[in-house]
Amino acid sequence: IIRMFYHEFDDLLPETYKAIDPFPPTLQATIESTNEWTYNDVNNGVYKAGFGTTQEAYERAVATLFSSLDKIETHLATAPGPYYFGSSVTEADIRLFTTIVRFDPVYVQHFKCNIRDIRSGYPAIHRWLRKLYWDVPAFRETTQFEHIKKHYTKSHTQINQFSITPVGPLPDILPKDEEVRAVAAIKP
């Protein structure tokens, strides 16, 4: 379905937007490969951890999730960027953003994905996230942190019996030029 949006509605768009192709032919195989493990291990991985019904299932899911986040961190730290596959936003960015933007506000505490958070544990992912959020208006304009937090904390009573929504993290997303104090202290 996501790919239908790339070109099926071009007749409704201004010319500048018609040229955008998040699934360019030269990257299609690479994007497909990335999407496969990203979906299984990250996008769905947080749910495997959060809805795990045994300690073993939870720990297995968390180990896979954080191994995959490490892989993403290495990729983003060494890729030409600023986006996942270079100078243009691709489907890989779009699909990964939806999970990463929810990670610190929801998945760390609600789904117990708390080995590390994105802000202080993954500097390249954090930089990529803020680049998308602050520099590409479509990402910021379609991200509603209050809705994200309340949806998860109010709809999963088997996980959060009293439907309490945590206040933080504050701010929801850091400005591009700001770091968590602990991270700023160790930067060269």
N, C-alpha and C. Protein backbone atom coordinates (compact mmCIF):
# COMPACT_ATOMS: atom_id res chain seq x y z
N ILE A 1 0.83 -1.20 0.00
CA ILE A 1 0.00 0.00 0.00
C ILE A 1 0.86 1.25 0.00
N ILE A 2 1.95 1.24 0.79
CA ILE A 2 2.79 2.43 0.88
C ILE A 2 3.29 2.86 -0.51
N ARG A 3 3.58 1.89 -1.35
CA ARG A 3 4.13 2.23 -2.67
C ARG A 3 3.10 2.85 -3.59
N MET A 4 1.84 2.62 -3.35
CA MET A 4 0.80 3.27 -4.15
C MET A 4 0.87 4.79 -4.01
N PHE A 5 1.24 5.24 -2.82
CA PHE A 5 1.29 6.68 -2.57
C PHE A 5 2.42 7.37 -3.34
N TYR A 6 3.42 6.62 -3.77
CA TYR A 6 4.56 7.23 -4.44
C TYR A 6 4.18 7.89 -5.76
N HIS A 7 3.27 7.29 -6.52
CA HIS A 7 2.97 7.85 -7.84
C HIS A 7 1.51 7.81 -8.24
N GLU A 8 0.67 7.07 -7.54
CA GLU A 8 -0.73 6.92 -7.94
C GLU A 8 -1.53 8.22 -7.88
N PHE A 9 -1.06 9.18 -7.10
CA PHE A 9 -1.80 10.42 -6.94
C PHE A 9 -1.04 11.62 -7.51
N ASP A 10 -0.11 11.35 -8.42
CA ASP A 10 0.70 12.42 -9.01
C ASP A 10 -0.14 13.51 -9.65
N ASP A 11 -1.28 13.17 -10.20
CA ASP A 11 -2.11 14.19 -10.85
C ASP A 11 -2.67 15.19 -9.85
N LEU A 12 -2.57 14.91 -8.57
CA LEU A 12 -3.05 15.83 -7.53
C LEU A 12 -1.93 16.66 -6.91
N LEU A 13 -0.70 16.36 -7.30
CA LEU A 13 0.46 16.99 -6.66
C LEU A 13 1.07 18.11 -7.49
N PRO A 14 1.70 19.08 -6.81
CA PRO A 14 2.51 20.06 -7.54
C PRO A 14 3.70 19.35 -8.18
N GLU A 15 4.22 19.91 -9.24
CA GLU A 15 5.33 19.30 -9.99
C GLU A 15 6.53 18.95 -9.10
N THR A 16 6.85 19.79 -8.14
CA THR A 16 8.03 19.55 -7.30
C THR A 16 7.93 18.23 -6.54
N TYR A 17 6.73 17.83 -6.16
CA TYR A 17 6.57 16.59 -5.41
C TYR A 17 6.50 15.36 -6.30
N LYS A 18 6.16 15.53 -7.54
CA LYS A 18 6.07 14.39 -8.45
C LYS A 18 7.43 13.74 -8.71
N ALA A 19 8.47 14.53 -8.60
CA ALA A 19 9.82 14.03 -8.89
C ALA A 19 10.39 13.19 -7.74
N ILE A 20 9.78 13.25 -6.58
CA ILE A 20 10.28 12.50 -5.43
C ILE A 20 9.97 11.02 -5.61
N ASP A 21 10.99 10.19 -5.46
CA ASP A 21 10.79 8.75 -5.60
C ASP A 21 11.46 8.03 -4.43
N PRO A 22 10.70 7.67 -3.40
CA PRO A 22 11.28 6.99 -2.24
C PRO A 22 11.72 5.55 -2.52
N PHE A 23 11.42 5.06 -3.73
CA PHE A 23 11.77 3.68 -4.09
C PHE A 23 12.43 3.69 -5.47
N PRO A 24 13.60 4.38 -5.57
CA PRO A 24 14.24 4.51 -6.88
C PRO A 24 14.72 3.16 -7.42
N PRO A 25 14.64 2.97 -8.72
CA PRO A 25 15.03 1.68 -9.32
C PRO A 25 16.44 1.23 -8.94
N THR A 26 17.37 2.16 -8.80
CA THR A 26 18.76 1.79 -8.49
C THR A 26 18.93 1.25 -7.07
N LEU A 27 17.97 1.53 -6.18
CA LEU A 27 18.07 1.08 -4.80
C LEU A 27 17.02 0.05 -4.39
N GLN A 28 16.17 -0.34 -5.33
CA GLN A 28 15.04 -1.19 -4.96
C GLN A 28 15.45 -2.49 -4.27
N ALA A 29 16.40 -3.19 -4.80
CA ALA A 29 16.81 -4.47 -4.19
C ALA A 29 17.40 -4.24 -2.79
N THR A 30 18.19 -3.20 -2.65
CA THR A 30 18.79 -2.88 -1.35
C THR A 30 17.73 -2.47 -0.34
N ILE A 31 16.78 -1.66 -0.78
CA ILE A 31 15.69 -1.24 0.11
C ILE A 31 14.86 -2.45 0.52
N GLU A 32 14.55 -3.32 -0.42
CA GLU A 32 13.76 -4.53 -0.10
C GLU A 32 14.47 -5.37 0.95
N SER A 33 15.76 -5.57 0.78
CA SER A 33 16.53 -6.37 1.73
C SER A 33 16.54 -5.71 3.11
N THR A 34 16.77 -4.42 3.14
CA THR A 34 16.77 -3.67 4.40
C THR A 34 15.40 -3.72 5.06
N ASN A 35 14.36 -3.50 4.27
CA ASN A 35 13.00 -3.52 4.81
C ASN A 35 12.67 -4.85 5.47
N GLU A 36 13.16 -5.94 4.89
CA GLU A 36 12.81 -7.26 5.42
C GLU A 36 13.29 -7.43 6.85
N TRP A 37 14.59 -7.20 7.08
CA TRP A 37 15.08 -7.39 8.45
C TRP A 37 14.67 -6.24 9.37
N THR A 38 14.55 -5.03 8.83
CA THR A 38 14.10 -3.91 9.66
C THR A 38 12.69 -4.16 10.18
N TYR A 39 11.81 -4.63 9.30
CA TYR A 39 10.45 -4.92 9.74
C TYR A 39 10.44 -6.03 10.80
N ASN A 40 11.09 -7.15 10.48
CA ASN A 40 11.06 -8.30 11.39
C ASN A 40 11.72 -8.03 12.73
N ASP A 41 12.85 -7.34 12.71
CA ASP A 41 13.66 -7.21 13.92
C ASP A 41 13.46 -5.89 14.67
N VAL A 42 13.03 -4.84 13.98
CA VAL A 42 12.89 -3.53 14.63
C VAL A 42 11.42 -3.12 14.70
N ASN A 43 10.80 -2.87 13.53
CA ASN A 43 9.40 -2.43 13.53
C ASN A 43 8.51 -3.40 14.31
N ASN A 44 8.63 -4.68 14.02
CA ASN A 44 7.85 -5.69 14.71
C ASN A 44 8.57 -6.19 15.96
N GLY A 45 9.86 -5.98 16.01
CA GLY A 45 10.65 -6.43 17.16
C GLY A 45 10.23 -5.80 18.47
N VAL A 46 9.86 -4.52 18.44
CA VAL A 46 9.40 -3.87 19.67
C VAL A 46 8.12 -4.52 20.17
N TYR A 47 7.26 -4.95 19.26
CA TYR A 47 6.01 -5.62 19.65
C TYR A 47 6.27 -7.03 20.17
N LYS A 48 7.23 -7.71 19.55
CA LYS A 48 7.59 -9.04 20.04
C LYS A 48 8.07 -8.95 21.49
N ALA A 49 8.84 -7.91 21.79
CA ALA A 49 9.31 -7.72 23.17
C ALA A 49 8.15 -7.30 24.07
N GLY A 50 7.42 -6.30 23.65
CA GLY A 50 6.36 -5.75 24.49
C GLY A 50 5.23 -6.70 24.80
N PHE A 51 4.91 -7.56 23.86
CA PHE A 51 3.82 -8.50 24.07
C PHE A 51 4.31 -9.92 24.38
N GLY A 52 5.60 -10.03 24.66
CA GLY A 52 6.13 -11.33 25.04
C GLY A 52 5.45 -11.83 26.30
N THR A 53 5.13 -13.09 26.34
CA THR A 53 4.42 -13.65 27.50
C THR A 53 5.29 -14.56 28.35
N THR A 54 6.55 -14.70 27.93
CA THR A 54 7.51 -15.43 28.77
C THR A 54 8.79 -14.62 28.82
N GLN A 55 9.56 -14.82 29.87
CA GLN A 55 10.84 -14.13 29.99
C GLN A 55 11.74 -14.48 28.82
N GLU A 56 11.73 -15.73 28.43
CA GLU A 56 12.57 -16.19 27.32
C GLU A 56 12.20 -15.50 26.00
N ALA A 57 10.91 -15.42 25.71
CA ALA A 57 10.46 -14.77 24.47
C ALA A 57 10.81 -13.29 24.48
N TYR A 58 10.60 -12.64 25.62
CA TYR A 58 10.94 -11.22 25.76
C TYR A 58 12.44 -11.00 25.55
N GLU A 59 13.26 -11.76 26.24
CA GLU A 59 14.71 -11.58 26.14
C GLU A 59 15.22 -11.86 24.73
N ARG A 60 14.67 -12.85 24.08
CA ARG A 60 15.07 -13.16 22.70
C ARG A 60 14.72 -11.98 21.78
N ALA A 61 13.52 -11.45 21.94
CA ALA A 61 13.09 -10.32 21.10
C ALA A 61 13.93 -9.08 21.36
N VAL A 62 14.23 -8.80 22.61
CA VAL A 62 15.03 -7.62 22.96
C VAL A 62 16.46 -7.77 22.42
N ALA A 63 17.02 -8.96 22.53
CA ALA A 63 18.37 -9.19 22.01
C ALA A 63 18.42 -8.96 20.50
N THR A 64 17.44 -9.47 19.78
CA THR A 64 17.38 -9.28 18.33
C THR A 64 17.17 -7.81 17.99
N LEU A 65 16.28 -7.15 18.70
CA LEU A 65 16.01 -5.73 18.48
C LEU A 65 17.27 -4.90 18.64
N PHE A 66 17.97 -5.07 19.74
CA PHE A 66 19.15 -4.23 19.98
C PHE A 66 20.33 -4.60 19.09
N SER A 67 20.43 -5.84 18.69
CA SER A 67 21.43 -6.22 17.70
C SER A 67 21.16 -5.50 16.38
N SER A 68 19.90 -5.41 16.02
CA SER A 68 19.52 -4.72 14.78
C SER A 68 19.71 -3.21 14.90
N LEU A 69 19.41 -2.65 16.07
CA LEU A 69 19.69 -1.22 16.27
C LEU A 69 21.19 -0.95 16.17
N ASP A 70 22.00 -1.85 16.69
CA ASP A 70 23.46 -1.71 16.56
C ASP A 70 23.86 -1.72 15.08
N LYS A 71 23.24 -2.59 14.31
CA LYS A 71 23.52 -2.67 12.86
C LYS A 71 23.13 -1.36 12.17
N ILE A 72 21.98 -0.81 12.53
CA ILE A 72 21.54 0.47 11.95
C ILE A 72 22.49 1.58 12.36
N GLU A 73 22.90 1.59 13.62
CA GLU A 73 23.84 2.60 14.11
C GLU A 73 25.14 2.56 13.31
N THR A 74 25.68 1.38 13.10
CA THR A 74 26.92 1.24 12.33
C THR A 74 26.72 1.73 10.91
N HIS A 75 25.61 1.35 10.30
CA HIS A 75 25.32 1.78 8.93
C HIS A 75 25.25 3.30 8.85
N LEU A 76 24.46 3.92 9.72
CA LEU A 76 24.29 5.38 9.66
C LEU A 76 25.57 6.13 10.02
N ALA A 77 26.38 5.56 10.88
CA ALA A 77 27.64 6.20 11.27
C ALA A 77 28.66 6.18 10.14
N THR A 78 28.54 5.23 9.22
CA THR A 78 29.53 5.10 8.15
C THR A 78 29.00 5.44 6.77
N ALA A 79 27.69 5.58 6.64
CA ALA A 79 27.08 5.88 5.33
C ALA A 79 27.27 7.35 4.98
N PRO A 80 27.23 7.68 3.68
CA PRO A 80 27.42 9.07 3.28
C PRO A 80 26.31 9.99 3.75
N GLY A 81 25.10 9.47 3.96
CA GLY A 81 23.97 10.21 4.52
C GLY A 81 23.64 11.50 3.82
N PRO A 82 22.81 12.28 4.43
CA PRO A 82 22.34 12.21 5.81
C PRO A 82 21.21 11.21 6.02
N TYR A 83 20.67 10.67 4.93
CA TYR A 83 19.57 9.73 5.05
C TYR A 83 20.11 8.30 4.96
N TYR A 84 19.24 7.33 5.12
CA TYR A 84 19.69 5.95 5.23
C TYR A 84 20.53 5.50 4.04
N PHE A 85 20.10 5.89 2.84
CA PHE A 85 20.85 5.49 1.64
C PHE A 85 21.40 6.69 0.87
N GLY A 86 21.77 7.74 1.57
CA GLY A 86 22.43 8.84 0.88
C GLY A 86 21.74 10.17 1.03
N SER A 87 21.66 10.90 -0.08
CA SER A 87 21.20 12.29 -0.04
C SER A 87 19.70 12.47 -0.19
N SER A 88 18.96 11.39 -0.42
CA SER A 88 17.50 11.49 -0.58
C SER A 88 16.78 10.56 0.38
N VAL A 89 15.62 11.00 0.82
CA VAL A 89 14.78 10.17 1.67
C VAL A 89 14.25 9.00 0.83
N THR A 90 14.36 7.80 1.38
CA THR A 90 13.84 6.62 0.69
C THR A 90 12.81 5.92 1.59
N GLU A 91 12.22 4.90 1.03
CA GLU A 91 11.26 4.09 1.79
C GLU A 91 11.88 3.54 3.07
N ALA A 92 13.16 3.24 3.03
CA ALA A 92 13.84 2.73 4.23
C ALA A 92 13.78 3.75 5.36
N ASP A 93 13.96 5.02 5.04
CA ASP A 93 13.86 6.08 6.05
C ASP A 93 12.44 6.17 6.61
N ILE A 94 11.47 6.14 5.72
CA ILE A 94 10.07 6.28 6.13
C ILE A 94 9.67 5.14 7.06
N ARG A 95 9.98 3.94 6.68
CA ARG A 95 9.57 2.78 7.47
C ARG A 95 10.31 2.70 8.81
N LEU A 96 11.57 3.08 8.83
CA LEU A 96 12.32 3.04 10.07
C LEU A 96 11.92 4.19 11.00
N PHE A 97 11.66 5.36 10.44
CA PHE A 97 11.29 6.53 11.25
C PHE A 97 10.11 6.23 12.18
N THR A 98 9.10 5.55 11.67
CA THR A 98 7.89 5.33 12.47
C THR A 98 8.17 4.58 13.77
N THR A 99 9.15 3.72 13.78
CA THR A 99 9.51 3.02 15.01
C THR A 99 10.48 3.84 15.84
N ILE A 100 11.47 4.43 15.21
CA ILE A 100 12.50 5.16 15.97
C ILE A 100 11.91 6.39 16.66
N VAL A 101 10.98 7.08 16.04
CA VAL A 101 10.40 8.27 16.67
C VAL A 101 9.57 7.90 17.90
N ARG A 102 9.08 6.67 17.96
CA ARG A 102 8.30 6.20 19.11
C ARG A 102 9.18 5.52 20.18
N PHE A 103 10.41 5.27 19.84
CA PHE A 103 11.24 4.43 20.70
C PHE A 103 11.41 5.01 22.11
N ASP A 104 11.97 6.21 22.22
CA ASP A 104 12.21 6.78 23.54
C ASP A 104 10.92 7.13 24.28
N PRO A 105 9.93 7.75 23.62
CA PRO A 105 8.71 8.11 24.35
C PRO A 105 7.85 6.91 24.77
N VAL A 106 7.92 5.80 24.06
CA VAL A 106 7.01 4.69 24.35
C VAL A 106 7.72 3.36 24.56
N TYR A 107 8.49 2.92 23.60
CA TYR A 107 8.98 1.55 23.62
C TYR A 107 9.97 1.28 24.75
N VAL A 108 10.76 2.28 25.14
CA VAL A 108 11.73 2.08 26.22
C VAL A 108 11.01 1.62 27.49
N GLN A 109 9.96 2.34 27.88
CA GLN A 109 9.30 1.99 29.14
C GLN A 109 8.12 1.04 28.93
N HIS A 110 7.28 1.30 27.95
CA HIS A 110 6.03 0.55 27.80
C HIS A 110 6.28 -0.90 27.35
N PHE A 111 7.21 -1.08 26.41
CA PHE A 111 7.51 -2.42 25.90
C PHE A 111 8.79 -3.00 26.50
N LYS A 112 9.35 -2.29 27.49
CA LYS A 112 10.54 -2.76 28.21
C LYS A 112 11.75 -2.95 27.29
N CYS A 113 11.85 -2.10 26.29
CA CYS A 113 12.99 -2.11 25.37
C CYS A 113 14.01 -1.11 25.90
N ASN A 114 14.58 -1.41 27.06
CA ASN A 114 15.31 -0.40 27.81
C ASN A 114 16.80 -0.68 27.99
N ILE A 115 17.37 -1.47 27.11
CA ILE A 115 18.82 -1.67 27.20
C ILE A 115 19.53 -0.34 26.95
N ARG A 116 19.06 0.39 25.97
CA ARG A 116 19.54 1.74 25.67
C ARG A 116 18.39 2.52 25.07
N ASP A 117 18.46 3.83 25.17
CA ASP A 117 17.50 4.65 24.44
C ASP A 117 18.21 5.22 23.22
N ILE A 118 17.45 5.83 22.35
CA ILE A 118 18.04 6.38 21.12
C ILE A 118 18.86 7.62 21.43
N ARG A 119 18.34 8.50 22.28
CA ARG A 119 18.99 9.78 22.59
C ARG A 119 20.42 9.62 23.07
N SER A 120 20.62 8.73 24.01
CA SER A 120 21.94 8.65 24.62
C SER A 120 22.73 7.41 24.22
N GLY A 121 22.07 6.44 23.58
CA GLY A 121 22.77 5.21 23.26
C GLY A 121 23.12 4.99 21.81
N TYR A 122 22.52 5.81 20.93
CA TYR A 122 22.72 5.62 19.49
C TYR A 122 22.88 6.99 18.81
N PRO A 123 24.06 7.59 18.87
CA PRO A 123 24.23 8.94 18.34
C PRO A 123 23.95 9.09 16.85
N ALA A 124 24.32 8.12 16.04
CA ALA A 124 24.07 8.24 14.59
C ALA A 124 22.58 8.12 14.29
N ILE A 125 21.89 7.19 14.96
CA ILE A 125 20.44 7.06 14.76
C ILE A 125 19.76 8.33 15.25
N HIS A 126 20.20 8.85 16.38
CA HIS A 126 19.60 10.07 16.94
C HIS A 126 19.79 11.25 15.99
N ARG A 127 20.96 11.37 15.41
CA ARG A 127 21.23 12.45 14.44
C ARG A 127 20.32 12.28 13.21
N TRP A 128 20.20 11.07 12.70
CA TRP A 128 19.34 10.77 11.55
C TRP A 128 17.88 11.10 11.86
N LEU A 129 17.42 10.68 13.04
CA LEU A 129 16.04 10.96 13.46
C LEU A 129 15.77 12.45 13.50
N ARG A 130 16.66 13.21 14.10
CA ARG A 130 16.45 14.67 14.20
C ARG A 130 16.54 15.34 12.85
N LYS A 131 17.40 14.85 11.98
CA LYS A 131 17.48 15.40 10.62
C LYS A 131 16.13 15.24 9.92
N LEU A 132 15.56 14.06 9.97
CA LEU A 132 14.25 13.84 9.34
C LEU A 132 13.18 14.71 9.99
N TYR A 133 13.13 14.70 11.31
CA TYR A 133 12.07 15.40 12.03
C TYR A 133 12.15 16.91 11.83
N TRP A 134 13.32 17.49 11.96
CA TRP A 134 13.44 18.95 11.91
C TRP A 134 13.61 19.50 10.49
N ASP A 135 14.16 18.72 9.57
CA ASP A 135 14.46 19.26 8.24
C ASP A 135 13.51 18.81 7.13
N VAL A 136 12.73 17.79 7.37
CA VAL A 136 11.78 17.32 6.36
C VAL A 136 10.38 17.52 6.95
N PRO A 137 9.70 18.59 6.57
CA PRO A 137 8.43 18.96 7.22
C PRO A 137 7.41 17.83 7.32
N ALA A 138 7.33 16.97 6.34
CA ALA A 138 6.33 15.89 6.37
C ALA A 138 6.49 15.00 7.60
N PHE A 139 7.70 14.79 8.06
CA PHE A 139 7.91 13.94 9.23
C PHE A 139 7.41 14.64 10.50
N ARG A 140 7.79 15.89 10.68
CA ARG A 140 7.36 16.64 11.87
C ARG A 140 5.85 16.86 11.87
N GLU A 141 5.30 17.21 10.72
CA GLU A 141 3.87 17.54 10.63
C GLU A 141 2.97 16.33 10.86
N THR A 142 3.49 15.14 10.69
CA THR A 142 2.66 13.94 10.87
C THR A 142 3.01 13.17 12.14
N THR A 143 3.82 13.76 12.99
CA THR A 143 4.18 13.13 14.26
C THR A 143 3.51 13.88 15.40
N GLN A 144 2.65 13.20 16.10
CA GLN A 144 1.93 13.79 17.24
C GLN A 144 2.30 13.00 18.50
N PHE A 145 3.26 13.54 19.26
CA PHE A 145 3.78 12.79 20.41
C PHE A 145 2.72 12.50 21.46
N GLU A 146 1.84 13.44 21.73
CA GLU A 146 0.80 13.20 22.73
C GLU A 146 -0.08 12.02 22.32
N HIS A 147 -0.45 11.99 21.06
CA HIS A 147 -1.26 10.88 20.56
C HIS A 147 -0.50 9.55 20.65
N ILE A 148 0.76 9.58 20.26
CA ILE A 148 1.58 8.36 20.31
C ILE A 148 1.61 7.81 21.74
N LYS A 149 1.94 8.67 22.70
CA LYS A 149 2.06 8.22 24.09
C LYS A 149 0.73 7.72 24.63
N LYS A 150 -0.32 8.48 24.41
CA LYS A 150 -1.62 8.09 24.97
C LYS A 150 -2.18 6.84 24.30
N HIS A 151 -1.96 6.71 23.01
CA HIS A 151 -2.46 5.50 22.34
C HIS A 151 -1.90 4.25 23.01
N TYR A 152 -0.60 4.20 23.16
CA TYR A 152 0.02 3.00 23.73
C TYR A 152 -0.35 2.81 25.19
N THR A 153 -0.28 3.87 25.98
CA THR A 153 -0.48 3.71 27.42
C THR A 153 -1.94 3.54 27.81
N LYS A 154 -2.86 3.94 26.96
CA LYS A 154 -4.28 3.82 27.29
C LYS A 154 -4.93 2.59 26.64
N SER A 155 -4.29 1.99 25.66
CA SER A 155 -4.94 0.90 24.94
C SER A 155 -4.40 -0.49 25.26
N HIS A 156 -3.32 -0.56 25.99
CA HIS A 156 -2.74 -1.87 26.32
C HIS A 156 -2.81 -2.10 27.83
N THR A 157 -4.02 -2.30 28.33
CA THR A 157 -4.17 -2.45 29.78
C THR A 157 -3.52 -3.71 30.32
N GLN A 158 -3.26 -4.69 29.47
CA GLN A 158 -2.56 -5.88 29.94
C GLN A 158 -1.09 -5.56 30.25
N ILE A 159 -0.58 -4.46 29.69
CA ILE A 159 0.79 -4.03 29.94
C ILE A 159 0.81 -2.90 30.96
N ASN A 160 -0.16 -2.00 30.90
CA ASN A 160 -0.22 -0.80 31.74
C ASN A 160 -1.61 -0.74 32.38
N GLN A 161 -1.79 -1.49 33.43
CA GLN A 161 -3.10 -1.69 34.06
C GLN A 161 -3.83 -0.40 34.39
N PHE A 162 -3.11 0.62 34.82
CA PHE A 162 -3.77 1.85 35.25
C PHE A 162 -3.75 2.94 34.18
N SER A 163 -3.27 2.61 32.99
CA SER A 163 -3.25 3.55 31.85
C SER A 163 -2.54 4.85 32.17
N ILE A 164 -1.45 4.77 32.91
CA ILE A 164 -0.68 5.96 33.25
C ILE A 164 0.27 6.27 32.10
N THR A 165 0.24 7.53 31.67
CA THR A 165 1.10 7.98 30.58
C THR A 165 2.30 8.72 31.16
N PRO A 166 3.52 8.24 30.97
CA PRO A 166 4.69 8.94 31.48
C PRO A 166 4.81 10.35 30.90
N VAL A 167 5.38 11.23 31.67
CA VAL A 167 5.54 12.62 31.24
C VAL A 167 6.62 12.73 30.18
N GLY A 168 7.73 12.06 30.36
CA GLY A 168 8.86 12.23 29.47
C GLY A 168 8.91 11.25 28.33
N PRO A 169 9.98 11.34 27.59
CA PRO A 169 11.11 12.24 27.78
C PRO A 169 10.74 13.67 27.38
N LEU A 170 11.43 14.60 27.98
CA LEU A 170 11.21 16.02 27.66
C LEU A 170 12.52 16.62 27.19
N PRO A 171 12.49 17.38 26.13
CA PRO A 171 11.39 17.51 25.20
C PRO A 171 11.17 16.20 24.44
N ASP A 172 10.05 16.12 23.74
CA ASP A 172 9.73 14.89 23.01
C ASP A 172 10.86 14.50 22.07
N ILE A 173 11.42 15.48 21.40
CA ILE A 173 12.57 15.25 20.53
C ILE A 173 13.50 16.45 20.69
N LEU A 174 14.79 16.18 20.83
CA LEU A 174 15.74 17.26 21.04
C LEU A 174 15.95 18.07 19.77
N PRO A 175 16.23 19.37 19.92
CA PRO A 175 16.63 20.15 18.74
C PRO A 175 17.90 19.56 18.13
N LYS A 176 18.14 19.87 16.88
CA LYS A 176 19.30 19.29 16.18
C LYS A 176 20.63 19.65 16.83
N ASP A 177 20.71 20.81 17.45
CA ASP A 177 21.98 21.27 18.00
C ASP A 177 22.12 20.98 19.50
N GLU A 178 21.25 20.16 20.04
CA GLU A 178 21.30 19.85 21.47
C GLU A 178 21.52 18.36 21.67
N GLU A 179 22.27 18.03 22.70
CA GLU A 179 22.51 16.63 23.05
C GLU A 179 22.11 16.39 24.49
N VAL A 180 21.89 15.14 24.84
CA VAL A 180 21.70 14.75 26.22
C VAL A 180 22.99 15.12 26.95
N ARG A 181 22.89 15.66 28.16
CA ARG A 181 24.08 16.13 28.88
C ARG A 181 25.19 15.08 28.94
N ALA A 182 24.85 13.86 29.23
CA ALA A 182 25.87 12.80 29.32
C ALA A 182 26.57 12.59 27.99
N VAL A 183 25.83 12.68 26.90
CA VAL A 183 26.43 12.51 25.57
C VAL A 183 27.31 13.71 25.25
N ALA A 184 26.82 14.90 25.54
CA ALA A 184 27.60 16.12 25.27
C ALA A 184 28.91 16.11 26.06
N ALA A 185 28.89 15.57 27.26
CA ALA A 185 30.07 15.56 28.11
C ALA A 185 31.18 14.67 27.57
N ILE A 186 30.84 13.64 26.81
CA ILE A 186 31.88 12.74 26.31
C ILE A 186 32.27 13.01 24.87
N LYS A 187 31.59 13.96 24.22
CA LYS A 187 31.95 14.28 22.83
C LYS A 187 33.29 15.00 22.80
N PRO A 188 34.12 14.67 21.81
CA PRO A 188 35.43 15.33 21.71
C PRO A 188 35.30 16.80 21.35
